[in-house]
Amino acid sequence: MPIIKIYSTPTCPGCKRVKEFLKEKGVKFDDIDVASNQEAAKEMIEKSGQMGVPVIDIDGKIIIGFDQNVIENELGKGDKK
């Protein structure tokens, strides 16, 4: 199983969509609220160069925004290991 972190905020519609998508797939992830955690926000910006959310980290692969095809592709790579 890949290690997945979702950098998000409570009011972000895209964040909610990506979390719902992963839950439907039965994929576990860490939800990191960058609105209340400044260290996590700094980490997200350093990893992605982005200040907007969601930022998804799948085993070190950074995905900006909810891109279902890219997410499914990365999850599929984990199945083939």
PDB file of N, CA and C in Angstrom:
ATOM      1  N   MET A   1       0.840  -1.178   0.000  1.00  0.00           N
ATOM      2  CA  MET A   1       0.000   0.000   0.000  1.00  0.00           C
ATOM      3  C   MET A   1       0.892   1.250   0.000  1.00  0.00           C
ATOM      4  N   PRO A   2       0.606   2.185  -0.886  1.00  0.00           N
ATOM      5  CA  PRO A   2       1.412   3.407  -0.916  1.00  0.00           C
ATOM      6  C   PRO A   2       1.140   4.280   0.312  1.00  0.00           C
ATOM      7  N   ILE A   3       2.106   5.112   0.635  1.00  0.00           N
ATOM      8  CA  ILE A   3       1.930   6.093   1.710  1.00  0.00           C
ATOM      9  C   ILE A   3       1.383   7.354   1.058  1.00  0.00           C
ATOM     10  N   ILE A   4       0.209   7.787   1.521  1.00  0.00           N
ATOM     11  CA  ILE A   4      -0.471   8.924   0.904  1.00  0.00           C
ATOM     12  C   ILE A   4      -0.734  10.000   1.947  1.00  0.00           C
ATOM     13  N   LYS A   5      -0.343  11.232   1.599  1.00  0.00           N
ATOM     14  CA  LYS A   5      -0.660  12.397   2.419  1.00  0.00           C
ATOM     15  C   LYS A   5      -1.464  13.358   1.561  1.00  0.00           C
ATOM     16  N   ILE A   6      -2.543  13.887   2.133  1.00  0.00           N
ATOM     17  CA  ILE A   6      -3.333  14.903   1.453  1.00  0.00           C
ATOM     18  C   ILE A   6      -3.241  16.173   2.279  1.00  0.00           C
ATOM     19  N   TYR A   7      -2.630  17.175   1.691  1.00  0.00           N
ATOM     20  CA  TYR A   7      -2.561  18.493   2.322  1.00  0.00           C
ATOM     21  C   TYR A   7      -3.832  19.221   1.901  1.00  0.00           C
ATOM     22  N   SER A   8      -4.631  19.617   2.893  1.00  0.00           N
ATOM     23  CA  SER A   8      -5.950  20.161   2.591  1.00  0.00           C
ATOM     24  C   SER A   8      -6.360  21.222   3.600  1.00  0.00           C
ATOM     25  N   THR A   9      -7.521  21.823   3.333  1.00  0.00           N
ATOM     26  CA  THR A   9      -8.167  22.717   4.290  1.00  0.00           C
ATOM     27  C   THR A   9      -9.623  22.255   4.427  1.00  0.00           C
ATOM     28  N   PRO A  10     -10.265  22.604   5.536  1.00  0.00           N
ATOM     29  CA  PRO A  10     -11.640  22.146   5.754  1.00  0.00           C
ATOM     30  C   PRO A  10     -12.648  22.687   4.738  1.00  0.00           C
ATOM     31  N   THR A  11     -12.373  23.835   4.122  1.00  0.00           N
ATOM     32  CA  THR A  11     -13.345  24.463   3.227  1.00  0.00           C
ATOM     33  C   THR A  11     -13.075  24.217   1.741  1.00  0.00           C
ATOM     34  N   CYS A  12     -12.108  23.381   1.421  1.00  0.00           N
ATOM     35  CA  CYS A  12     -11.689  23.165   0.028  1.00  0.00           C
ATOM     36  C   CYS A  12     -12.539  22.087  -0.642  1.00  0.00           C
ATOM     37  N   PRO A  13     -13.330  22.441  -1.679  1.00  0.00           N
ATOM     38  CA  PRO A  13     -14.157  21.442  -2.369  1.00  0.00           C
ATOM     39  C   PRO A  13     -13.329  20.348  -3.050  1.00  0.00           C
ATOM     40  N   GLY A  14     -12.220  20.709  -3.665  1.00  0.00           N
ATOM     41  CA  GLY A  14     -11.359  19.720  -4.317  1.00  0.00           C
ATOM     42  C   GLY A  14     -10.774  18.741  -3.313  1.00  0.00           C
ATOM     43  N   CYS A  15     -10.468  19.233  -2.126  1.00  0.00           N
ATOM     44  CA  CYS A  15      -9.932  18.373  -1.060  1.00  0.00           C
ATOM     45  C   CYS A  15     -10.977  17.333  -0.656  1.00  0.00           C
ATOM     46  N   LYS A  16     -12.204  17.784  -0.512  1.00  0.00           N
ATOM     47  CA  LYS A  16     -13.281  16.866  -0.131  1.00  0.00           C
ATOM     48  C   LYS A  16     -13.470  15.804  -1.204  1.00  0.00           C
ATOM     49  N   ARG A  17     -13.400  16.199  -2.483  1.00  0.00           N
ATOM     50  CA  ARG A  17     -13.579  15.258  -3.579  1.00  0.00           C
ATOM     51  C   ARG A  17     -12.484  14.197  -3.597  1.00  0.00           C
ATOM     52  N   VAL A  18     -11.232  14.614  -3.404  1.00  0.00           N
ATOM     53  CA  VAL A  18     -10.144  13.628  -3.443  1.00  0.00           C
ATOM     54  C   VAL A  18     -10.245  12.664  -2.257  1.00  0.00           C
ATOM     55  N   LYS A  19     -10.613  13.166  -1.098  1.00  0.00           N
ATOM     56  CA  LYS A  19     -10.759  12.284   0.072  1.00  0.00           C
ATOM     57  C   LYS A  19     -11.914  11.301  -0.117  1.00  0.00           C
ATOM     58  N   GLU A  20     -13.042  11.774  -0.667  1.00  0.00           N
ATOM     59  CA  GLU A  20     -14.172  10.882  -0.946  1.00  0.00           C
ATOM     60  C   GLU A  20     -13.774   9.815  -1.961  1.00  0.00           C
ATOM     61  N   PHE A  21     -13.041  10.226  -2.989  1.00  0.00           N
ATOM     62  CA  PHE A  21     -12.589   9.301  -4.028  1.00  0.00           C
ATOM     63  C   PHE A  21     -11.722   8.194  -3.427  1.00  0.00           C
ATOM     64  N   LEU A  22     -10.753   8.580  -2.595  1.00  0.00           N
ATOM     65  CA  LEU A  22      -9.862   7.581  -1.989  1.00  0.00           C
ATOM     66  C   LEU A  22     -10.612   6.662  -1.027  1.00  0.00           C
ATOM     67  N   LYS A  23     -11.556   7.219  -0.269  1.00  0.00           N
ATOM     68  CA  LYS A  23     -12.361   6.384   0.640  1.00  0.00           C
ATOM     69  C   LYS A  23     -13.173   5.367  -0.143  1.00  0.00           C
ATOM     70  N   GLU A  24     -13.765   5.797  -1.279  1.00  0.00           N
ATOM     71  CA  GLU A  24     -14.532   4.879  -2.125  1.00  0.00           C
ATOM     72  C   GLU A  24     -13.655   3.740  -2.637  1.00  0.00           C
ATOM     73  N   LYS A  25     -12.384   4.031  -2.899  1.00  0.00           N
ATOM     74  CA  LYS A  25     -11.434   3.029  -3.390  1.00  0.00           C
ATOM     75  C   LYS A  25     -10.885   2.162  -2.254  1.00  0.00           C
ATOM     76  N   GLY A  26     -11.182   2.534  -0.997  1.00  0.00           N
ATOM     77  CA  GLY A  26     -10.674   1.800   0.144  1.00  0.00           C
ATOM     78  C   GLY A  26      -9.200   2.069   0.422  1.00  0.00           C
ATOM     79  N   VAL A  27      -8.729   3.242   0.015  1.00  0.00           N
ATOM     80  CA  VAL A  27      -7.318   3.604   0.163  1.00  0.00           C
ATOM     81  C   VAL A  27      -7.138   4.455   1.418  1.00  0.00           C
ATOM     82  N   LYS A  28      -6.183   4.067   2.261  1.00  0.00           N
ATOM     83  CA  LYS A  28      -5.900   4.833   3.478  1.00  0.00           C
ATOM     84  C   LYS A  28      -4.986   6.001   3.148  1.00  0.00           C
ATOM     85  N   PHE A  29      -5.184   7.109   3.868  1.00  0.00           N
ATOM     86  CA  PHE A  29      -4.377   8.305   3.661  1.00  0.00           C
ATOM     87  C   PHE A  29      -4.329   9.117   4.938  1.00  0.00           C
ATOM     88  N   ASP A  30      -3.306   9.957   5.031  1.00  0.00           N
ATOM     89  CA  ASP A  30      -3.212  10.924   6.125  1.00  0.00           C
ATOM     90  C   ASP A  30      -3.745  12.247   5.618  1.00  0.00           C
ATOM     91  N   ASP A  31      -4.716  12.795   6.323  1.00  0.00           N
ATOM     92  CA  ASP A  31      -5.295  14.095   5.973  1.00  0.00           C
ATOM     93  C   ASP A  31      -4.604  15.155   6.827  1.00  0.00           C
ATOM     94  N   ILE A  32      -3.900  16.072   6.179  1.00  0.00           N
ATOM     95  CA  ILE A  32      -3.134  17.083   6.891  1.00  0.00           C
ATOM     96  C   ILE A  32      -3.765  18.444   6.643  1.00  0.00           C
ATOM     97  N   ASP A  33      -4.302  19.042   7.702  1.00  0.00           N
ATOM     98  CA  ASP A  33      -4.985  20.335   7.608  1.00  0.00           C
ATOM     99  C   ASP A  33      -3.948  21.463   7.675  1.00  0.00           C
ATOM    100  N   VAL A  34      -3.659  22.046   6.516  1.00  0.00           N
ATOM    101  CA  VAL A  34      -2.645  23.107   6.467  1.00  0.00           C
ATOM    102  C   VAL A  34      -3.192  24.453   6.943  1.00  0.00           C
ATOM    103  N   ALA A  35      -4.509  24.544   7.148  1.00  0.00           N
ATOM    104  CA  ALA A  35      -5.083  25.782   7.682  1.00  0.00           C
ATOM    105  C   ALA A  35      -4.750  25.936   9.167  1.00  0.00           C
ATOM    106  N   SER A  36      -4.636  24.811   9.868  1.00  0.00           N
ATOM    107  CA  SER A  36      -4.380  24.876  11.310  1.00  0.00           C
ATOM    108  C   SER A  36      -2.963  24.440  11.682  1.00  0.00           C
ATOM    109  N   ASN A  37      -2.183  23.996  10.707  1.00  0.00           N
ATOM    110  CA  ASN A  37      -0.837  23.489  11.001  1.00  0.00           C
ATOM    111  C   ASN A  37       0.179  24.199  10.101  1.00  0.00           C
ATOM    112  N   GLN A  38       0.821  25.218  10.634  1.00  0.00           N
ATOM    113  CA  GLN A  38       1.761  26.029   9.856  1.00  0.00           C
ATOM    114  C   GLN A  38       2.977  25.229   9.391  1.00  0.00           C
ATOM    115  N   GLU A  39       3.456  24.301  10.212  1.00  0.00           N
ATOM    116  CA  GLU A  39       4.599  23.469   9.817  1.00  0.00           C
ATOM    117  C   GLU A  39       4.235  22.601   8.612  1.00  0.00           C
ATOM    118  N   ALA A  40       3.029  22.049   8.635  1.00  0.00           N
ATOM    119  CA  ALA A  40       2.572  21.223   7.513  1.00  0.00           C
ATOM    120  C   ALA A  40       2.403  22.071   6.258  1.00  0.00           C
ATOM    121  N   ALA A  41       1.910  23.301   6.426  1.00  0.00           N
ATOM    122  CA  ALA A  41       1.763  24.205   5.281  1.00  0.00           C
ATOM    123  C   ALA A  41       3.121  24.506   4.667  1.00  0.00           C
ATOM    124  N   LYS A  42       4.108  24.745   5.505  1.00  0.00           N
ATOM    125  CA  LYS A  42       5.473  25.003   5.026  1.00  0.00           C
ATOM    126  C   LYS A  42       6.015  23.778   4.286  1.00  0.00           C
ATOM    127  N   GLU A  43       5.813  22.601   4.856  1.00  0.00           N
ATOM    128  CA  GLU A  43       6.252  21.349   4.229  1.00  0.00           C
ATOM    129  C   GLU A  43       5.602  21.169   2.856  1.00  0.00           C
ATOM    130  N   MET A  44       4.295  21.457   2.774  1.00  0.00           N
ATOM    131  CA  MET A  44       3.559  21.328   1.514  1.00  0.00           C
ATOM    132  C   MET A  44       4.133  22.259   0.453  1.00  0.00           C
ATOM    133  N   ILE A  45       4.399  23.493   0.827  1.00  0.00           N
ATOM    134  CA  ILE A  45       4.940  24.477  -0.119  1.00  0.00           C
ATOM    135  C   ILE A  45       6.329  24.060  -0.583  1.00  0.00           C
ATOM    136  N   GLU A  46       7.158  23.558   0.339  1.00  0.00           N
ATOM    137  CA  GLU A  46       8.504  23.104  -0.023  1.00  0.00           C
ATOM    138  C   GLU A  46       8.446  21.925  -0.996  1.00  0.00           C
ATOM    139  N   LYS A  47       7.516  20.998  -0.776  1.00  0.00           N
ATOM    140  CA  LYS A  47       7.399  19.819  -1.640  1.00  0.00           C
ATOM    141  C   LYS A  47       6.854  20.165  -3.024  1.00  0.00           C
ATOM    142  N   SER A  48       5.860  21.062  -3.054  1.00  0.00           N
ATOM    143  CA  SER A  48       5.094  21.261  -4.277  1.00  0.00           C
ATOM    144  C   SER A  48       5.346  22.597  -4.981  1.00  0.00           C
ATOM    145  N   GLY A  49       5.846  23.584  -4.229  1.00  0.00           N
ATOM    146  CA  GLY A  49       5.957  24.923  -4.788  1.00  0.00           C
ATOM    147  C   GLY A  49       4.606  25.618  -4.894  1.00  0.00           C
ATOM    148  N   GLN A  50       3.583  25.018  -4.322  1.00  0.00           N
ATOM    149  CA  GLN A  50       2.213  25.538  -4.401  1.00  0.00           C
ATOM    150  C   GLN A  50       1.712  25.967  -3.038  1.00  0.00           C
ATOM    151  N   MET A  51       0.869  26.996  -3.045  1.00  0.00           N
ATOM    152  CA  MET A  51       0.213  27.404  -1.804  1.00  0.00           C
ATOM    153  C   MET A  51      -1.239  26.944  -1.778  1.00  0.00           C
ATOM    154  N   GLY A  52      -1.765  26.534  -2.933  1.00  0.00           N
ATOM    155  CA  GLY A  52      -3.150  26.076  -3.019  1.00  0.00           C
ATOM    156  C   GLY A  52      -3.273  24.603  -2.676  1.00  0.00           C
ATOM    157  N   VAL A  53      -4.472  24.209  -2.300  1.00  0.00           N
ATOM    158  CA  VAL A  53      -4.765  22.827  -1.955  1.00  0.00           C
ATOM    159  C   VAL A  53      -5.847  22.296  -2.891  1.00  0.00           C
ATOM    160  N   PRO A  54      -5.991  21.004  -3.054  1.00  0.00           N
ATOM    161  CA  PRO A  54      -5.228  19.957  -2.402  1.00  0.00           C
ATOM    162  C   PRO A  54      -3.880  19.702  -3.073  1.00  0.00           C
ATOM    163  N   VAL A  55      -2.944  19.276  -2.259  1.00  0.00           N
ATOM    164  CA  VAL A  55      -1.676  18.743  -2.737  1.00  0.00           C
ATOM    165  C   VAL A  55      -1.625  17.315  -2.209  1.00  0.00           C
ATOM    166  N   ILE A  56      -1.414  16.374  -3.116  1.00  0.00           N
ATOM    167  CA  ILE A  56      -1.436  14.957  -2.768  1.00  0.00           C
ATOM    168  C   ILE A  56      -0.030  14.399  -2.951  1.00  0.00           C
ATOM    169  N   ASP A  57       0.454  13.719  -1.937  1.00  0.00           N
ATOM    170  CA  ASP A  57       1.775  13.088  -1.969  1.00  0.00           C
ATOM    171  C   ASP A  57       1.559  11.577  -1.901  1.00  0.00           C
ATOM    172  N   ILE A  58       1.837  10.893  -3.027  1.00  0.00           N
ATOM    173  CA  ILE A  58       1.715   9.440  -3.071  1.00  0.00           C
ATOM    174  C   ILE A  58       3.120   8.879  -3.225  1.00  0.00           C
ATOM    175  N   ASP A  59       3.663   8.366  -2.132  1.00  0.00           N
ATOM    176  CA  ASP A  59       5.031   7.815  -2.128  1.00  0.00           C
ATOM    177  C   ASP A  59       6.044   8.785  -2.739  1.00  0.00           C
ATOM    178  N   GLY A  60       5.880  10.083  -2.425  1.00  0.00           N
ATOM    179  CA  GLY A  60       6.833  11.085  -2.909  1.00  0.00           C
ATOM    180  C   GLY A  60       6.463  11.718  -4.234  1.00  0.00           C
ATOM    181  N   LYS A  61       5.491  11.168  -4.951  1.00  0.00           N
ATOM    182  CA  LYS A  61       4.995  11.770  -6.202  1.00  0.00           C
ATOM    183  C   LYS A  61       3.969  12.830  -5.822  1.00  0.00           C
ATOM    184  N   ILE A  62       4.231  14.081  -6.217  1.00  0.00           N
ATOM    185  CA  ILE A  62       3.353  15.193  -5.857  1.00  0.00           C
ATOM    186  C   ILE A  62       2.337  15.429  -6.963  1.00  0.00           C
ATOM    187  N   ILE A  63       1.075  15.483  -6.570  1.00  0.00           N
ATOM    188  CA  ILE A  63      -0.025  15.762  -7.495  1.00  0.00           C
ATOM    189  C   ILE A  63      -0.732  17.015  -6.991  1.00  0.00           C
ATOM    190  N   ILE A  64      -0.851  18.000  -7.872  1.00  0.00           N
ATOM    191  CA  ILE A  64      -1.503  19.263  -7.517  1.00  0.00           C
ATOM    192  C   ILE A  64      -2.960  19.182  -7.971  1.00  0.00           C
ATOM    193  N   GLY A  65      -3.871  19.392  -7.024  1.00  0.00           N
ATOM    194  CA  GLY A  65      -5.292  19.352  -7.354  1.00  0.00           C
ATOM    195  C   GLY A  65      -5.808  17.934  -7.469  1.00  0.00           C
ATOM    196  N   PHE A  66      -7.118  17.814  -7.686  1.00  0.00           N
ATOM    197  CA  PHE A  66      -7.752  16.502  -7.802  1.00  0.00           C
ATOM    198  C   PHE A  66      -7.739  16.091  -9.269  1.00  0.00           C
ATOM    199  N   ASP A  67      -6.773  15.262  -9.624  1.00  0.00           N
ATOM    200  CA  ASP A  67      -6.649  14.722 -10.980  1.00  0.00           C
ATOM    201  C   ASP A  67      -6.827  13.215 -10.877  1.00  0.00           C
ATOM    202  N   GLN A  68      -8.054  12.772 -11.082  1.00  0.00           N
ATOM    203  CA  GLN A  68      -8.415  11.370 -10.851  1.00  0.00           C
ATOM    204  C   GLN A  68      -7.547  10.413 -11.661  1.00  0.00           C
ATOM    205  N   ASN A  69      -7.277  10.728 -12.927  1.00  0.00           N
ATOM    206  CA  ASN A  69      -6.488   9.828 -13.764  1.00  0.00           C
ATOM    207  C   ASN A  69      -5.068   9.663 -13.242  1.00  0.00           C
ATOM    208  N   VAL A  70      -4.450  10.757 -12.831  1.00  0.00           N
ATOM    209  CA  VAL A  70      -3.078  10.694 -12.306  1.00  0.00           C
ATOM    210  C   VAL A  70      -3.059   9.919 -10.989  1.00  0.00           C
ATOM    211  N   ILE A  71      -4.046  10.171 -10.142  1.00  0.00           N
ATOM    212  CA  ILE A  71      -4.120   9.463  -8.856  1.00  0.00           C
ATOM    213  C   ILE A  71      -4.280   7.958  -9.092  1.00  0.00           C
ATOM    214  N   GLU A  72      -5.203   7.584  -9.971  1.00  0.00           N
ATOM    215  CA  GLU A  72      -5.412   6.159 -10.255  1.00  0.00           C
ATOM    216  C   GLU A  72      -4.149   5.523 -10.826  1.00  0.00           C
ATOM    217  N   ASN A  73      -3.435   6.247 -11.672  1.00  0.00           N
ATOM    218  CA  ASN A  73      -2.190   5.743 -12.251  1.00  0.00           C
ATOM    219  C   ASN A  73      -1.164   5.485 -11.152  1.00  0.00           C
ATOM    220  N   GLU A  74      -1.005   6.427 -10.240  1.00  0.00           N
ATOM    221  CA  GLU A  74      -0.039   6.266  -9.143  1.00  0.00           C
ATOM    222  C   GLU A  74      -0.447   5.127  -8.219  1.00  0.00           C
ATOM    223  N   LEU A  75      -1.738   4.999  -7.943  1.00  0.00           N
ATOM    224  CA  LEU A  75      -2.197   3.894  -7.090  1.00  0.00           C
ATOM    225  C   LEU A  75      -1.947   2.557  -7.773  1.00  0.00           C
ATOM    226  N   GLY A  76      -2.105   2.505  -9.098  1.00  0.00           N
ATOM    227  CA  GLY A  76      -1.862   1.288  -9.856  1.00  0.00           C
ATOM    228  C   GLY A  76      -0.407   0.862  -9.810  1.00  0.00           C
ATOM    229  N   LYS A  77       0.506   1.826  -9.774  1.00  0.00           N
ATOM    230  CA  LYS A  77       1.937   1.500  -9.676  1.00  0.00           C
ATOM    231  C   LYS A  77       2.225   0.759  -8.384  1.00  0.00           C
ATOM    232  N   GLY A  78       1.548   1.141  -7.307  1.00  0.00           N
ATOM    233  CA  GLY A  78       1.741   0.477  -6.026  1.00  0.00           C
ATOM    234  C   GLY A  78       1.314  -0.974  -6.054  1.00  0.00           C
ATOM    235  N   ASP A  79       0.296  -1.280  -6.886  1.00  0.00           N
ATOM    236  CA  ASP A  79      -0.186  -2.658  -7.003  1.00  0.00           C
ATOM    237  C   ASP A  79       0.818  -3.556  -7.697  1.00  0.00           C
ATOM    238  N   LYS A  80       1.677  -2.962  -8.547  1.00  0.00           N
ATOM    239  CA  LYS A  80       2.598  -3.748  -9.361  1.00  0.00           C
ATOM    240  C   LYS A  80       3.951  -3.974  -8.690  1.00  0.00           C
ATOM    241  N   LYS A  81       4.156  -3.411  -7.512  1.00  0.00           N
ATOM    242  CA  LYS A  81       5.436  -3.557  -6.816  1.00  0.00           C
ATOM    243  C   LYS A  81       5.615  -4.950  -6.279  1.00  0.00           C
TER     244      LYS A  81
END
